[in-house]
N, C-alpha and C. Protein backbone atom coordinates (compact mmCIF):
# COMPACT_ATOMS: atom_id res chain seq x y z
N MET A 1 0.81 -1.20 0.00
CA MET A 1 0.00 0.00 0.00
C MET A 1 0.85 1.26 0.00
N SER A 2 2.08 1.19 0.43
CA SER A 2 2.91 2.39 0.46
C SER A 2 3.35 2.82 -0.94
N GLU A 3 3.27 1.94 -1.94
CA GLU A 3 3.69 2.30 -3.29
C GLU A 3 2.67 3.20 -3.98
N TYR A 4 1.41 3.10 -3.64
CA TYR A 4 0.38 3.87 -4.32
C TYR A 4 0.54 5.38 -4.13
N PRO A 5 0.76 5.88 -2.91
CA PRO A 5 0.95 7.33 -2.76
C PRO A 5 2.20 7.84 -3.49
N VAL A 6 3.26 7.03 -3.54
CA VAL A 6 4.46 7.46 -4.25
C VAL A 6 4.15 7.61 -5.73
N ALA A 7 3.44 6.65 -6.30
CA ALA A 7 3.08 6.74 -7.72
C ALA A 7 2.19 7.95 -7.98
N THR A 8 1.28 8.25 -7.07
CA THR A 8 0.41 9.41 -7.22
C THR A 8 1.23 10.70 -7.16
N ALA A 9 2.18 10.76 -6.24
CA ALA A 9 3.03 11.94 -6.13
C ALA A 9 3.87 12.12 -7.39
N GLU A 10 4.38 11.02 -7.96
CA GLU A 10 5.16 11.11 -9.19
C GLU A 10 4.28 11.58 -10.35
N LYS A 11 3.04 11.06 -10.42
CA LYS A 11 2.13 11.49 -11.48
C LYS A 11 1.82 12.98 -11.35
N ARG A 12 1.60 13.43 -10.12
CA ARG A 12 1.30 14.84 -9.90
C ARG A 12 2.49 15.70 -10.32
N SER A 13 3.70 15.27 -9.97
CA SER A 13 4.87 16.08 -10.32
C SER A 13 5.10 16.10 -11.83
N ILE A 14 4.78 15.03 -12.53
CA ILE A 14 4.95 15.05 -13.98
C ILE A 14 3.92 15.96 -14.63
N TRP A 15 2.72 16.03 -14.04
CA TRP A 15 1.71 16.96 -14.56
C TRP A 15 2.12 18.40 -14.31
N ILE A 16 2.71 18.67 -13.16
CA ILE A 16 3.20 20.02 -12.87
C ILE A 16 4.33 20.37 -13.83
N ARG A 17 5.23 19.40 -14.07
CA ARG A 17 6.31 19.65 -15.02
C ARG A 17 5.74 19.90 -16.42
N GLY A 18 4.70 19.16 -16.80
CA GLY A 18 4.07 19.37 -18.10
C GLY A 18 3.51 20.77 -18.23
N LEU A 19 2.87 21.24 -17.18
CA LEU A 19 2.35 22.62 -17.19
C LEU A 19 3.49 23.62 -17.30
N LEU A 20 4.56 23.39 -16.55
CA LEU A 20 5.72 24.29 -16.63
C LEU A 20 6.36 24.23 -18.02
N MET A 21 6.36 23.06 -18.64
CA MET A 21 6.91 22.94 -19.99
C MET A 21 6.10 23.76 -20.99
N ILE A 22 4.78 23.74 -20.85
CA ILE A 22 3.93 24.53 -21.74
C ILE A 22 4.21 26.02 -21.54
N LEU A 23 4.28 26.45 -20.28
CA LEU A 23 4.56 27.86 -20.00
C LEU A 23 5.94 28.27 -20.50
N MET A 24 6.93 27.39 -20.33
CA MET A 24 8.28 27.70 -20.80
C MET A 24 8.34 27.71 -22.33
N ALA A 25 7.55 26.87 -22.99
CA ALA A 25 7.50 26.90 -24.46
C ALA A 25 6.94 28.23 -24.95
N LEU A 26 5.94 28.75 -24.25
CA LEU A 26 5.41 30.06 -24.60
C LEU A 26 6.45 31.15 -24.37
N ALA A 27 7.18 31.04 -23.26
CA ALA A 27 8.24 32.01 -22.97
C ALA A 27 9.35 31.92 -24.03
N TYR A 28 9.62 30.71 -24.52
CA TYR A 28 10.62 30.52 -25.57
C TYR A 28 10.21 31.26 -26.85
N GLN A 29 8.94 31.16 -27.21
CA GLN A 29 8.45 31.85 -28.40
C GLN A 29 8.53 33.36 -28.23
N LEU A 30 8.16 33.84 -27.07
CA LEU A 30 8.24 35.27 -26.79
C LEU A 30 9.69 35.75 -26.83
N ALA A 31 10.59 34.97 -26.25
CA ALA A 31 12.01 35.34 -26.26
C ALA A 31 12.55 35.33 -27.69
N GLY A 32 12.06 34.42 -28.52
CA GLY A 32 12.48 34.40 -29.91
C GLY A 32 12.06 35.66 -30.65
N THR A 33 10.85 36.13 -30.36
CA THR A 33 10.37 37.37 -30.96
C THR A 33 11.21 38.56 -30.50
N VAL A 34 11.51 38.59 -29.20
CA VAL A 34 12.35 39.67 -28.65
C VAL A 34 13.73 39.62 -29.30
N LEU A 35 14.29 38.43 -29.44
CA LEU A 35 15.61 38.28 -30.05
C LEU A 35 15.61 38.73 -31.51
N PHE A 36 14.52 38.48 -32.22
CA PHE A 36 14.40 38.94 -33.61
C PHE A 36 14.46 40.47 -33.67
N PHE A 37 13.72 41.13 -32.78
CA PHE A 37 13.72 42.59 -32.79
C PHE A 37 15.06 43.16 -32.33
N ILE A 38 15.73 42.49 -31.41
CA ILE A 38 17.07 42.92 -31.02
C ILE A 38 18.01 42.85 -32.22
N ALA A 39 17.93 41.76 -32.97
CA ALA A 39 18.79 41.61 -34.15
C ALA A 39 18.48 42.68 -35.19
N LEU A 40 17.20 42.97 -35.36
CA LEU A 40 16.80 43.99 -36.32
C LEU A 40 17.30 45.37 -35.91
N ILE A 41 17.15 45.70 -34.65
CA ILE A 41 17.63 46.99 -34.14
C ILE A 41 19.15 47.07 -34.24
N GLN A 42 19.84 45.98 -33.91
CA GLN A 42 21.30 45.96 -34.00
C GLN A 42 21.75 46.18 -35.44
N PHE A 43 21.04 45.57 -36.39
CA PHE A 43 21.40 45.75 -37.80
C PHE A 43 21.27 47.21 -38.21
N VAL A 44 20.17 47.84 -37.81
CA VAL A 44 19.96 49.25 -38.15
C VAL A 44 21.02 50.11 -37.47
N LEU A 45 21.30 49.83 -36.22
CA LEU A 45 22.34 50.60 -35.52
C LEU A 45 23.70 50.41 -36.16
N ALA A 46 24.01 49.20 -36.60
CA ALA A 46 25.29 48.95 -37.26
C ALA A 46 25.37 49.69 -38.59
N LEU A 47 24.25 49.80 -39.28
CA LEU A 47 24.24 50.56 -40.53
C LEU A 47 24.46 52.05 -40.28
N LEU A 48 23.84 52.57 -39.23
CA LEU A 48 23.91 54.01 -38.96
C LEU A 48 25.20 54.44 -38.29
N SER A 49 25.71 53.64 -37.38
CA SER A 49 26.87 54.07 -36.60
C SER A 49 28.11 53.22 -36.83
N ASP A 50 28.04 52.27 -37.74
CA ASP A 50 29.17 51.38 -38.07
C ASP A 50 29.60 50.48 -36.91
N ALA A 51 28.81 50.40 -35.86
CA ALA A 51 29.14 49.52 -34.74
C ALA A 51 27.85 49.13 -34.01
N PRO A 52 27.74 47.88 -33.61
CA PRO A 52 26.55 47.49 -32.85
C PRO A 52 26.61 48.04 -31.42
N ASN A 53 25.46 48.14 -30.80
CA ASN A 53 25.37 48.62 -29.43
C ASN A 53 25.81 47.50 -28.48
N PRO A 54 26.85 47.72 -27.66
CA PRO A 54 27.35 46.65 -26.79
C PRO A 54 26.35 46.22 -25.71
N ARG A 55 25.57 47.16 -25.18
CA ARG A 55 24.58 46.79 -24.16
C ARG A 55 23.47 45.95 -24.75
N LEU A 56 23.06 46.29 -25.96
CA LEU A 56 22.03 45.52 -26.65
C LEU A 56 22.58 44.14 -27.04
N ALA A 57 23.85 44.07 -27.38
CA ALA A 57 24.48 42.79 -27.69
C ALA A 57 24.52 41.90 -26.45
N ALA A 58 24.83 42.48 -25.30
CA ALA A 58 24.86 41.70 -24.05
C ALA A 58 23.46 41.21 -23.69
N PHE A 59 22.46 42.04 -23.91
CA PHE A 59 21.08 41.62 -23.64
C PHE A 59 20.66 40.51 -24.60
N GLY A 60 21.04 40.64 -25.87
CA GLY A 60 20.74 39.59 -26.84
C GLY A 60 21.39 38.27 -26.47
N ARG A 61 22.63 38.33 -25.97
CA ARG A 61 23.32 37.12 -25.53
C ARG A 61 22.59 36.48 -24.36
N SER A 62 22.10 37.29 -23.42
CA SER A 62 21.40 36.73 -22.26
C SER A 62 20.04 36.15 -22.67
N VAL A 63 19.38 36.75 -23.66
CA VAL A 63 18.12 36.18 -24.17
C VAL A 63 18.40 34.83 -24.82
N GLY A 64 19.50 34.72 -25.56
CA GLY A 64 19.88 33.45 -26.16
C GLY A 64 20.18 32.38 -25.12
N LEU A 65 20.85 32.77 -24.05
CA LEU A 65 21.12 31.83 -22.96
C LEU A 65 19.82 31.39 -22.27
N PHE A 66 18.88 32.32 -22.14
CA PHE A 66 17.58 32.01 -21.57
C PHE A 66 16.87 30.97 -22.44
N GLN A 67 16.92 31.15 -23.76
CA GLN A 67 16.31 30.17 -24.66
C GLN A 67 17.00 28.82 -24.54
N SER A 68 18.30 28.83 -24.37
CA SER A 68 19.04 27.58 -24.19
C SER A 68 18.61 26.86 -22.92
N GLN A 69 18.43 27.61 -21.83
CA GLN A 69 17.97 27.01 -20.58
C GLN A 69 16.57 26.41 -20.74
N ILE A 70 15.70 27.12 -21.46
CA ILE A 70 14.35 26.61 -21.69
C ILE A 70 14.40 25.33 -22.51
N ALA A 71 15.21 25.32 -23.56
CA ALA A 71 15.32 24.13 -24.40
C ALA A 71 15.83 22.94 -23.60
N SER A 72 16.76 23.16 -22.71
CA SER A 72 17.26 22.08 -21.87
C SER A 72 16.18 21.56 -20.93
N PHE A 73 15.37 22.46 -20.40
CA PHE A 73 14.32 22.05 -19.46
C PHE A 73 13.22 21.28 -20.18
N VAL A 74 12.71 21.80 -21.29
CA VAL A 74 11.57 21.14 -21.95
C VAL A 74 11.98 19.84 -22.63
N SER A 75 13.26 19.64 -22.92
CA SER A 75 13.71 18.39 -23.53
C SER A 75 14.18 17.38 -22.49
N PHE A 76 13.97 17.68 -21.21
CA PHE A 76 14.36 16.82 -20.09
C PHE A 76 15.87 16.66 -20.00
N ALA A 77 16.64 17.53 -20.62
CA ALA A 77 18.10 17.49 -20.51
C ALA A 77 18.56 18.08 -19.18
N SER A 78 17.68 18.88 -18.55
CA SER A 78 18.01 19.52 -17.27
C SER A 78 16.76 19.58 -16.40
N GLU A 79 16.96 19.47 -15.13
CA GLU A 79 15.86 19.61 -14.17
C GLU A 79 15.78 21.04 -13.63
N ASP A 80 16.76 21.87 -13.98
CA ASP A 80 16.80 23.25 -13.50
C ASP A 80 15.75 24.10 -14.23
N LEU A 81 14.91 24.77 -13.44
CA LEU A 81 13.91 25.65 -14.03
C LEU A 81 14.57 26.97 -14.45
N PRO A 82 14.26 27.47 -15.64
CA PRO A 82 14.82 28.75 -16.06
C PRO A 82 14.10 29.93 -15.40
N PHE A 83 14.50 31.14 -15.74
CA PHE A 83 13.87 32.35 -15.25
C PHE A 83 12.37 32.27 -15.55
N PRO A 84 11.50 32.61 -14.69
CA PRO A 84 11.56 33.40 -13.46
C PRO A 84 11.75 32.56 -12.20
N PHE A 85 11.99 31.26 -12.36
CA PHE A 85 12.20 30.41 -11.20
C PHE A 85 13.66 30.38 -10.77
N ALA A 86 14.52 30.95 -11.56
CA ALA A 86 15.94 31.08 -11.27
C ALA A 86 16.37 32.48 -11.70
N ASP A 87 17.64 32.78 -11.49
CA ASP A 87 18.15 34.10 -11.88
C ASP A 87 18.22 34.21 -13.40
N TRP A 88 18.10 35.45 -13.88
CA TRP A 88 18.24 35.72 -15.31
C TRP A 88 19.68 35.43 -15.71
N PRO A 89 19.90 34.74 -16.85
CA PRO A 89 21.28 34.42 -17.25
C PRO A 89 22.07 35.68 -17.56
N SER A 90 23.32 35.68 -17.12
CA SER A 90 24.15 36.87 -17.33
C SER A 90 25.02 36.69 -18.56
């Protein structure tokens, strides 16, 4: 009888992970859109000033790392939850 509650707890945690995976997939899509606009703005800035904006480049790098963390989580490669459950990647 002690095995039944453990199986129920595991089922509940997989459902919670599934919900988190759906939310993280939505965040991944949003981050992709943000990254597209960062790239577009950087291209325009590079055309106008002959150099990309370093602060915008650093933000774009952190958005890419955020997407990498999400991909690792939703593919079960990592158990670590990405932002907002952890710190924003630097």
